[in-house]
Amino acid sequence: MKFDRPEQELIHLLSQKRMTLSIAESCTGGLISKIITDAAGSSEVFLGGIIAYSNKSKIDLLKITQELLGSKGAVSEEVALKMAESAAEIFSSDFSISATGIAGPTGDSDEKPVGTVYTVLKYNTGKCEVVKHNFSGVREKIRFDTASYCINQLIMYLRNL
């Protein structure tokens, strides 16, 4: 079957396998959820997403501790992992995606420059794939590259199930 856009294939694969997806987003500000819900049939497999842009929302909605945010920072492997785990738990989904990072043009540091993004794909097996990215470009490109990566990685996994 031929698809015009990756999100169409993602929805098809999830539907075919009778599996569900949830998302926790920070730096992408809902872009991953938007792209997925642009595809027809997404309501069958996409259970929901949380845009936890501020630290307060990460604490209140995703149950990330102040201690973790203080010690590791919002842009970290540990926070991204907890975001994905919380989304999967909140929505009882088979898969979850999380993304947290610095899209710029400000907010960076020497340790975490603009384009630093952590993504997590939590699979139905319980396994989590955490990736640190160093995207380049302007804010919109970093956000789009993050969303595209997450969608395409889940597609590749589902193709092999």
N, C-alpha and C. Protein backbone atom coordinates (compact mmCIF):
# COMPACT_ATOMS: atom_id res chain seq x y z
N MET A 1 0.83 -1.18 0.00
CA MET A 1 0.00 0.00 0.00
C MET A 1 0.88 1.24 0.00
N LYS A 2 0.51 2.24 -0.79
CA LYS A 2 1.27 3.48 -0.93
C LYS A 2 0.61 4.59 -0.11
N PHE A 3 1.42 5.35 0.60
CA PHE A 3 0.92 6.44 1.43
C PHE A 3 1.56 7.75 0.98
N ASP A 4 0.79 8.81 1.01
CA ASP A 4 1.30 10.12 0.63
C ASP A 4 2.17 10.74 1.72
N ARG A 5 1.84 10.42 2.98
CA ARG A 5 2.55 11.01 4.11
C ARG A 5 2.83 9.94 5.16
N PRO A 6 3.94 10.06 5.89
CA PRO A 6 4.29 9.06 6.90
C PRO A 6 3.20 8.84 7.95
N GLU A 7 2.53 9.90 8.38
CA GLU A 7 1.52 9.74 9.42
C GLU A 7 0.36 8.86 8.95
N GLN A 8 0.09 8.84 7.65
CA GLN A 8 -0.95 7.96 7.13
C GLN A 8 -0.54 6.50 7.29
N GLU A 9 0.73 6.23 7.01
CA GLU A 9 1.22 4.86 7.19
C GLU A 9 1.22 4.48 8.66
N LEU A 10 1.60 5.41 9.53
CA LEU A 10 1.60 5.13 10.97
C LEU A 10 0.20 4.75 11.44
N ILE A 11 -0.80 5.51 11.06
CA ILE A 11 -2.18 5.23 11.45
C ILE A 11 -2.61 3.88 10.90
N HIS A 12 -2.26 3.60 9.66
CA HIS A 12 -2.61 2.33 9.03
C HIS A 12 -1.99 1.16 9.80
N LEU A 13 -0.71 1.25 10.11
CA LEU A 13 -0.01 0.16 10.81
C LEU A 13 -0.57 -0.06 12.21
N LEU A 14 -0.79 1.02 12.94
CA LEU A 14 -1.36 0.88 14.28
C LEU A 14 -2.74 0.25 14.22
N SER A 15 -3.54 0.71 13.28
CA SER A 15 -4.91 0.18 13.13
C SER A 15 -4.88 -1.30 12.75
N GLN A 16 -4.04 -1.62 11.80
CA GLN A 16 -3.90 -3.01 11.33
C GLN A 16 -3.50 -3.94 12.46
N LYS A 17 -2.65 -3.45 13.35
CA LYS A 17 -2.15 -4.27 14.45
C LYS A 17 -2.99 -4.10 15.73
N ARG A 18 -4.04 -3.29 15.64
CA ARG A 18 -4.93 -3.02 16.77
C ARG A 18 -4.16 -2.53 18.00
N MET A 19 -3.32 -1.52 17.75
CA MET A 19 -2.50 -0.95 18.80
C MET A 19 -2.74 0.54 18.91
N THR A 20 -2.37 1.11 20.05
CA THR A 20 -2.65 2.51 20.32
C THR A 20 -1.39 3.29 20.66
N LEU A 21 -1.54 4.62 20.58
CA LEU A 21 -0.42 5.53 20.77
C LEU A 21 -0.83 6.70 21.64
N SER A 22 0.11 7.16 22.47
CA SER A 22 -0.05 8.40 23.23
C SER A 22 1.26 9.18 23.13
N ILE A 23 1.17 10.46 23.46
CA ILE A 23 2.33 11.34 23.29
C ILE A 23 2.45 12.30 24.47
N ALA A 24 3.68 12.60 24.86
CA ALA A 24 3.99 13.68 25.79
C ALA A 24 5.02 14.57 25.11
N GLU A 25 4.65 15.81 24.89
CA GLU A 25 5.51 16.73 24.14
C GLU A 25 5.87 17.95 24.96
N SER A 26 7.07 18.44 24.73
CA SER A 26 7.48 19.71 25.31
C SER A 26 7.92 20.64 24.19
N CYS A 27 9.12 20.50 23.69
CA CYS A 27 9.66 21.44 22.70
C CYS A 27 8.87 21.48 21.39
N THR A 28 8.17 20.42 21.08
CA THR A 28 7.39 20.38 19.84
C THR A 28 6.02 21.04 20.00
N GLY A 29 5.62 21.34 21.22
CA GLY A 29 4.43 22.11 21.47
C GLY A 29 3.15 21.57 20.86
N GLY A 30 3.05 20.26 20.71
CA GLY A 30 1.85 19.66 20.14
C GLY A 30 1.97 19.30 18.68
N LEU A 31 3.12 19.57 18.08
CA LEU A 31 3.29 19.32 16.65
C LEU A 31 3.19 17.84 16.29
N ILE A 32 3.74 16.97 17.12
CA ILE A 32 3.65 15.53 16.81
C ILE A 32 2.19 15.11 16.81
N SER A 33 1.46 15.53 17.83
CA SER A 33 0.03 15.20 17.91
C SER A 33 -0.74 15.78 16.73
N LYS A 34 -0.42 17.00 16.35
CA LYS A 34 -1.10 17.64 15.23
C LYS A 34 -0.87 16.87 13.93
N ILE A 35 0.37 16.51 13.68
CA ILE A 35 0.69 15.78 12.44
C ILE A 35 -0.08 14.46 12.42
N ILE A 36 -0.07 13.75 13.52
CA ILE A 36 -0.75 12.45 13.57
C ILE A 36 -2.26 12.62 13.39
N THR A 37 -2.84 13.61 14.05
CA THR A 37 -4.29 13.78 13.96
C THR A 37 -4.73 14.42 12.65
N ASP A 38 -3.79 14.88 11.85
CA ASP A 38 -4.13 15.35 10.50
C ASP A 38 -4.51 14.18 9.60
N ALA A 39 -4.11 12.97 9.96
CA ALA A 39 -4.38 11.78 9.15
C ALA A 39 -5.75 11.20 9.49
N ALA A 40 -6.49 10.88 8.47
CA ALA A 40 -7.80 10.25 8.66
C ALA A 40 -7.63 8.92 9.39
N GLY A 41 -8.53 8.63 10.29
CA GLY A 41 -8.49 7.38 11.04
C GLY A 41 -7.68 7.45 12.32
N SER A 42 -7.08 8.60 12.59
CA SER A 42 -6.23 8.71 13.78
C SER A 42 -7.02 8.50 15.07
N SER A 43 -8.30 8.83 15.06
CA SER A 43 -9.09 8.68 16.30
C SER A 43 -9.23 7.23 16.73
N GLU A 44 -8.98 6.30 15.83
CA GLU A 44 -9.05 4.88 16.18
C GLU A 44 -7.84 4.42 16.99
N VAL A 45 -6.72 5.08 16.82
CA VAL A 45 -5.48 4.58 17.42
C VAL A 45 -4.75 5.59 18.30
N PHE A 46 -5.03 6.87 18.12
CA PHE A 46 -4.35 7.90 18.91
C PHE A 46 -5.21 8.24 20.11
N LEU A 47 -4.74 7.88 21.30
CA LEU A 47 -5.53 8.05 22.51
C LEU A 47 -5.44 9.45 23.09
N GLY A 48 -4.34 10.14 22.85
CA GLY A 48 -4.21 11.50 23.35
C GLY A 48 -2.78 11.90 23.57
N GLY A 49 -2.62 13.19 23.81
CA GLY A 49 -1.30 13.73 24.05
C GLY A 49 -1.33 14.79 25.12
N ILE A 50 -0.19 15.00 25.74
CA ILE A 50 -0.05 16.04 26.75
C ILE A 50 1.08 16.96 26.29
N ILE A 51 0.76 18.25 26.23
CA ILE A 51 1.80 19.24 25.94
C ILE A 51 2.24 19.79 27.29
N ALA A 52 3.37 19.33 27.74
CA ALA A 52 3.92 19.75 29.03
C ALA A 52 5.10 20.67 28.75
N TYR A 53 4.77 21.90 28.43
CA TYR A 53 5.79 22.85 27.99
C TYR A 53 6.57 23.43 29.17
N SER A 54 5.89 23.71 30.25
CA SER A 54 6.56 24.28 31.43
C SER A 54 6.96 23.17 32.40
N ASN A 55 7.88 23.49 33.27
CA ASN A 55 8.25 22.53 34.31
C ASN A 55 7.05 22.23 35.21
N LYS A 56 6.24 23.23 35.49
CA LYS A 56 5.06 23.03 36.33
C LYS A 56 4.12 22.00 35.70
N SER A 57 3.91 22.08 34.41
CA SER A 57 3.04 21.09 33.75
C SER A 57 3.69 19.71 33.73
N LYS A 58 4.98 19.65 33.63
CA LYS A 58 5.66 18.35 33.70
C LYS A 58 5.44 17.72 35.07
N ILE A 59 5.51 18.55 36.11
CA ILE A 59 5.30 18.07 37.47
C ILE A 59 3.83 17.68 37.69
N ASP A 60 2.93 18.58 37.35
CA ASP A 60 1.50 18.37 37.64
C ASP A 60 0.86 17.30 36.77
N LEU A 61 1.18 17.28 35.49
CA LEU A 61 0.50 16.36 34.56
C LEU A 61 1.23 15.03 34.37
N LEU A 62 2.55 15.08 34.33
CA LEU A 62 3.32 13.87 34.02
C LEU A 62 4.03 13.28 35.23
N LYS A 63 3.83 13.90 36.40
CA LYS A 63 4.37 13.38 37.66
C LYS A 63 5.90 13.28 37.66
N ILE A 64 6.53 14.23 37.00
CA ILE A 64 7.99 14.32 37.04
C ILE A 64 8.34 15.10 38.30
N THR A 65 9.28 14.61 39.06
CA THR A 65 9.58 15.26 40.33
C THR A 65 10.41 16.52 40.14
N GLN A 66 10.23 17.43 41.07
CA GLN A 66 11.03 18.65 41.09
C GLN A 66 12.51 18.30 41.25
N GLU A 67 12.78 17.25 42.01
CA GLU A 67 14.16 16.81 42.22
C GLU A 67 14.80 16.38 40.90
N LEU A 68 14.08 15.62 40.09
CA LEU A 68 14.61 15.18 38.80
C LEU A 68 14.85 16.37 37.88
N LEU A 69 13.88 17.28 37.82
CA LEU A 69 14.05 18.47 36.98
C LEU A 69 15.23 19.31 37.46
N GLY A 70 15.39 19.41 38.78
CA GLY A 70 16.48 20.19 39.33
C GLY A 70 17.85 19.57 39.09
N SER A 71 17.92 18.26 39.18
CA SER A 71 19.22 17.60 39.05
C SER A 71 19.62 17.33 37.60
N LYS A 72 18.66 16.99 36.75
CA LYS A 72 18.97 16.63 35.37
C LYS A 72 18.57 17.69 34.35
N GLY A 73 17.57 18.50 34.70
CA GLY A 73 17.06 19.51 33.77
C GLY A 73 15.93 18.94 32.92
N ALA A 74 15.08 19.84 32.45
CA ALA A 74 13.93 19.43 31.63
C ALA A 74 14.38 18.78 30.33
N VAL A 75 15.52 19.19 29.83
CA VAL A 75 16.06 18.62 28.59
C VAL A 75 17.11 17.59 28.99
N SER A 76 16.62 16.37 29.20
CA SER A 76 17.51 15.29 29.63
C SER A 76 16.90 13.94 29.27
N GLU A 77 17.75 12.96 29.22
CA GLU A 77 17.30 11.59 28.95
C GLU A 77 16.30 11.13 30.01
N GLU A 78 16.61 11.44 31.25
CA GLU A 78 15.78 10.97 32.35
C GLU A 78 14.37 11.56 32.31
N VAL A 79 14.27 12.85 32.02
CA VAL A 79 12.96 13.50 31.95
C VAL A 79 12.19 12.99 30.73
N ALA A 80 12.86 12.86 29.60
CA ALA A 80 12.19 12.34 28.39
C ALA A 80 11.64 10.94 28.64
N LEU A 81 12.41 10.11 29.32
CA LEU A 81 11.98 8.76 29.64
C LEU A 81 10.74 8.76 30.54
N LYS A 82 10.77 9.58 31.57
CA LYS A 82 9.63 9.68 32.48
C LYS A 82 8.40 10.23 31.75
N MET A 83 8.59 11.15 30.83
CA MET A 83 7.47 11.68 30.05
C MET A 83 6.78 10.57 29.25
N ALA A 84 7.57 9.75 28.58
CA ALA A 84 7.00 8.65 27.78
C ALA A 84 6.31 7.62 28.67
N GLU A 85 6.95 7.28 29.78
CA GLU A 85 6.34 6.31 30.70
C GLU A 85 5.02 6.83 31.26
N SER A 86 4.99 8.10 31.63
CA SER A 86 3.77 8.69 32.18
C SER A 86 2.66 8.73 31.14
N ALA A 87 2.97 9.10 29.91
CA ALA A 87 1.95 9.14 28.86
C ALA A 87 1.36 7.76 28.64
N ALA A 88 2.21 6.75 28.57
CA ALA A 88 1.72 5.38 28.38
C ALA A 88 0.82 4.95 29.53
N GLU A 89 1.19 5.34 30.73
CA GLU A 89 0.38 4.98 31.90
C GLU A 89 -0.94 5.75 31.93
N ILE A 90 -0.88 7.04 31.70
CA ILE A 90 -2.08 7.88 31.75
C ILE A 90 -3.12 7.41 30.73
N PHE A 91 -2.66 7.12 29.52
CA PHE A 91 -3.58 6.77 28.44
C PHE A 91 -3.76 5.26 28.25
N SER A 92 -2.98 4.45 28.96
CA SER A 92 -3.00 2.99 28.78
C SER A 92 -2.79 2.61 27.32
N SER A 93 -1.78 3.21 26.72
CA SER A 93 -1.49 2.97 25.30
C SER A 93 -0.43 1.90 25.12
N ASP A 94 -0.44 1.29 23.95
CA ASP A 94 0.58 0.30 23.61
C ASP A 94 1.94 0.96 23.40
N PHE A 95 1.92 2.13 22.77
CA PHE A 95 3.14 2.86 22.46
C PHE A 95 3.00 4.28 22.98
N SER A 96 4.13 4.89 23.31
CA SER A 96 4.14 6.31 23.62
C SER A 96 5.40 6.94 23.06
N ILE A 97 5.28 8.22 22.79
CA ILE A 97 6.38 9.02 22.27
C ILE A 97 6.54 10.21 23.19
N SER A 98 7.78 10.60 23.46
CA SER A 98 8.00 11.86 24.16
C SER A 98 9.12 12.62 23.47
N ALA A 99 9.08 13.94 23.65
CA ALA A 99 10.12 14.81 23.09
C ALA A 99 10.30 16.01 24.01
N THR A 100 11.54 16.28 24.36
CA THR A 100 11.88 17.46 25.14
C THR A 100 13.22 17.99 24.62
N GLY A 101 13.31 19.30 24.46
CA GLY A 101 14.54 19.83 23.90
C GLY A 101 14.56 21.34 23.85
N ILE A 102 15.57 21.84 23.15
CA ILE A 102 15.77 23.28 23.01
C ILE A 102 15.67 23.62 21.53
N ALA A 103 14.52 24.21 21.15
CA ALA A 103 14.29 24.55 19.75
C ALA A 103 14.85 25.92 19.40
N GLY A 104 15.17 26.73 20.39
CA GLY A 104 15.79 28.02 20.16
C GLY A 104 14.80 29.11 19.77
N PRO A 105 15.28 30.24 19.43
CA PRO A 105 16.69 30.58 19.28
C PRO A 105 17.42 30.85 20.59
N THR A 106 16.68 30.88 21.72
CA THR A 106 17.31 31.12 23.02
C THR A 106 17.09 29.92 23.91
N GLY A 107 17.61 30.00 25.13
CA GLY A 107 17.39 28.94 26.12
C GLY A 107 18.47 27.89 26.15
N ASP A 108 19.50 28.08 25.37
CA ASP A 108 20.56 27.07 25.31
C ASP A 108 21.68 27.36 26.30
N SER A 109 22.60 26.41 26.39
CA SER A 109 23.79 26.57 27.22
C SER A 109 24.93 25.85 26.51
N ASP A 110 26.12 25.92 27.08
CA ASP A 110 27.26 25.22 26.48
C ASP A 110 27.02 23.71 26.46
N GLU A 111 26.39 23.19 27.53
CA GLU A 111 26.14 21.75 27.62
C GLU A 111 24.97 21.32 26.75
N LYS A 112 24.01 22.22 26.57
CA LYS A 112 22.79 21.91 25.81
C LYS A 112 22.50 23.03 24.83
N PRO A 113 23.18 22.99 23.67
CA PRO A 113 22.96 24.04 22.67
C PRO A 113 21.59 23.89 21.97
N VAL A 114 21.19 24.94 21.28
CA VAL A 114 19.97 24.88 20.48
C VAL A 114 20.06 23.67 19.56
N GLY A 115 18.98 22.92 19.49
CA GLY A 115 18.95 21.70 18.67
C GLY A 115 19.12 20.43 19.48
N THR A 116 19.46 20.58 20.77
CA THR A 116 19.55 19.41 21.64
C THR A 116 18.13 18.95 21.95
N VAL A 117 17.82 17.74 21.56
CA VAL A 117 16.48 17.19 21.78
C VAL A 117 16.63 15.73 22.21
N TYR A 118 15.85 15.34 23.20
CA TYR A 118 15.76 13.94 23.61
C TYR A 118 14.39 13.41 23.19
N THR A 119 14.40 12.29 22.51
CA THR A 119 13.14 11.63 22.16
C THR A 119 13.13 10.24 22.76
N VAL A 120 11.94 9.78 23.09
CA VAL A 120 11.76 8.42 23.60
C VAL A 120 10.60 7.78 22.86
N LEU A 121 10.83 6.56 22.43
CA LEU A 121 9.76 5.71 21.92
C LEU A 121 9.63 4.57 22.91
N LYS A 122 8.47 4.50 23.56
CA LYS A 122 8.21 3.41 24.49
C LYS A 122 7.37 2.39 23.74
N TYR A 123 7.91 1.20 23.59
CA TYR A 123 7.29 0.16 22.79
C TYR A 123 6.34 -0.70 23.61
N ASN A 124 5.52 -1.45 22.91
CA ASN A 124 4.54 -2.34 23.55
C ASN A 124 5.21 -3.44 24.36
N THR A 125 6.47 -3.66 24.14
CA THR A 125 7.22 -4.67 24.90
C THR A 125 7.69 -4.12 26.25
N GLY A 126 7.54 -2.81 26.43
CA GLY A 126 8.05 -2.16 27.64
C GLY A 126 9.41 -1.52 27.42
N LYS A 127 10.08 -1.92 26.34
CA LYS A 127 11.39 -1.35 26.01
C LYS A 127 11.23 0.12 25.63
N CYS A 128 12.21 0.91 26.03
CA CYS A 128 12.23 2.33 25.67
C CYS A 128 13.50 2.63 24.90
N GLU A 129 13.33 3.33 23.80
CA GLU A 129 14.47 3.76 22.99
C GLU A 129 14.65 5.26 23.20
N VAL A 130 15.73 5.63 23.84
CA VAL A 130 16.03 7.03 24.11
C VAL A 130 17.12 7.48 23.15
N VAL A 131 16.88 8.61 22.48
CA VAL A 131 17.88 9.13 21.54
C VAL A 131 18.11 10.60 21.84
N LYS A 132 19.39 10.96 21.90
CA LYS A 132 19.77 12.37 22.01
C LYS A 132 20.09 12.86 20.61
N HIS A 133 19.43 13.93 20.21
CA HIS A 133 19.63 14.50 18.88
C HIS A 133 20.35 15.83 18.99
N ASN A 134 21.06 16.16 17.95
CA ASN A 134 21.68 17.48 17.81
C ASN A 134 21.21 18.05 16.48
N PHE A 135 19.95 18.46 16.44
CA PHE A 135 19.38 19.00 15.21
C PHE A 135 19.95 20.39 14.95
N SER A 136 19.94 20.77 13.69
CA SER A 136 20.40 22.12 13.33
C SER A 136 19.30 22.85 12.60
N GLY A 137 19.44 24.15 12.54
CA GLY A 137 18.47 24.96 11.83
C GLY A 137 17.68 25.86 12.76
N VAL A 138 16.66 26.47 12.19
CA VAL A 138 15.82 27.38 12.95
C VAL A 138 14.79 26.60 13.75
N ARG A 139 14.11 27.29 14.64
CA ARG A 139 13.13 26.70 15.56
C ARG A 139 12.13 25.77 14.86
N GLU A 140 11.52 26.25 13.79
CA GLU A 140 10.51 25.45 13.09
C GLU A 140 11.10 24.16 12.54
N LYS A 141 12.31 24.23 12.03
CA LYS A 141 12.96 23.04 11.46
C LYS A 141 13.29 22.03 12.56
N ILE A 142 13.78 22.51 13.68
CA ILE A 142 14.12 21.61 14.79
C ILE A 142 12.86 20.90 15.28
N ARG A 143 11.78 21.64 15.42
CA ARG A 143 10.52 21.04 15.87
C ARG A 143 10.01 20.02 14.84
N PHE A 144 10.06 20.38 13.57
CA PHE A 144 9.58 19.46 12.52
C PHE A 144 10.48 18.23 12.43
N ASP A 145 11.79 18.41 12.51
CA ASP A 145 12.71 17.26 12.45
C ASP A 145 12.47 16.31 13.62
N THR A 146 12.17 16.86 14.79
CA THR A 146 11.87 16.04 15.96
C THR A 146 10.62 15.20 15.72
N ALA A 147 9.56 15.86 15.27
CA ALA A 147 8.30 15.15 15.01
C ALA A 147 8.48 14.09 13.93
N SER A 148 9.16 14.43 12.87
CA SER A 148 9.38 13.47 11.77
C SER A 148 10.16 12.26 12.24
N TYR A 149 11.20 12.50 13.02
CA TYR A 149 12.00 11.39 13.54
C TYR A 149 11.13 10.43 14.34
N CYS A 150 10.35 10.97 15.26
CA CYS A 150 9.52 10.12 16.13
C CYS A 150 8.53 9.29 15.32
N ILE A 151 7.85 9.92 14.41
CA ILE A 151 6.86 9.22 13.58
C ILE A 151 7.53 8.14 12.75
N ASN A 152 8.64 8.48 12.12
CA ASN A 152 9.33 7.51 11.25
C ASN A 152 9.94 6.34 12.03
N GLN A 153 10.43 6.60 13.23
CA GLN A 153 10.99 5.50 14.03
C GLN A 153 9.90 4.50 14.43
N LEU A 154 8.74 5.01 14.80
CA LEU A 154 7.66 4.11 15.17
C LEU A 154 7.16 3.33 13.95
N ILE A 155 7.13 3.96 12.80
CA ILE A 155 6.75 3.26 11.56
C ILE A 155 7.72 2.11 11.31
N MET A 156 9.01 2.36 11.40
CA MET A 156 10.00 1.32 11.15
C MET A 156 9.83 0.15 12.10
N TYR A 157 9.54 0.44 13.36
CA TYR A 157 9.31 -0.62 14.33
C TYR A 157 8.08 -1.44 13.97
N LEU A 158 6.99 -0.74 13.67
CA LEU A 158 5.72 -1.42 13.36
C LEU A 158 5.79 -2.26 12.09
N ARG A 159 6.57 -1.83 11.12
CA ARG A 159 6.74 -2.60 9.88
C ARG A 159 7.32 -3.98 10.17
N ASN A 160 8.13 -4.07 11.22
CA ASN A 160 8.82 -5.32 11.53
C ASN A 160 8.11 -6.15 12.59
N LEU A 161 6.97 -5.71 13.04
CA LEU A 161 6.23 -6.49 14.06
C LEU A 161 5.54 -7.68 13.43
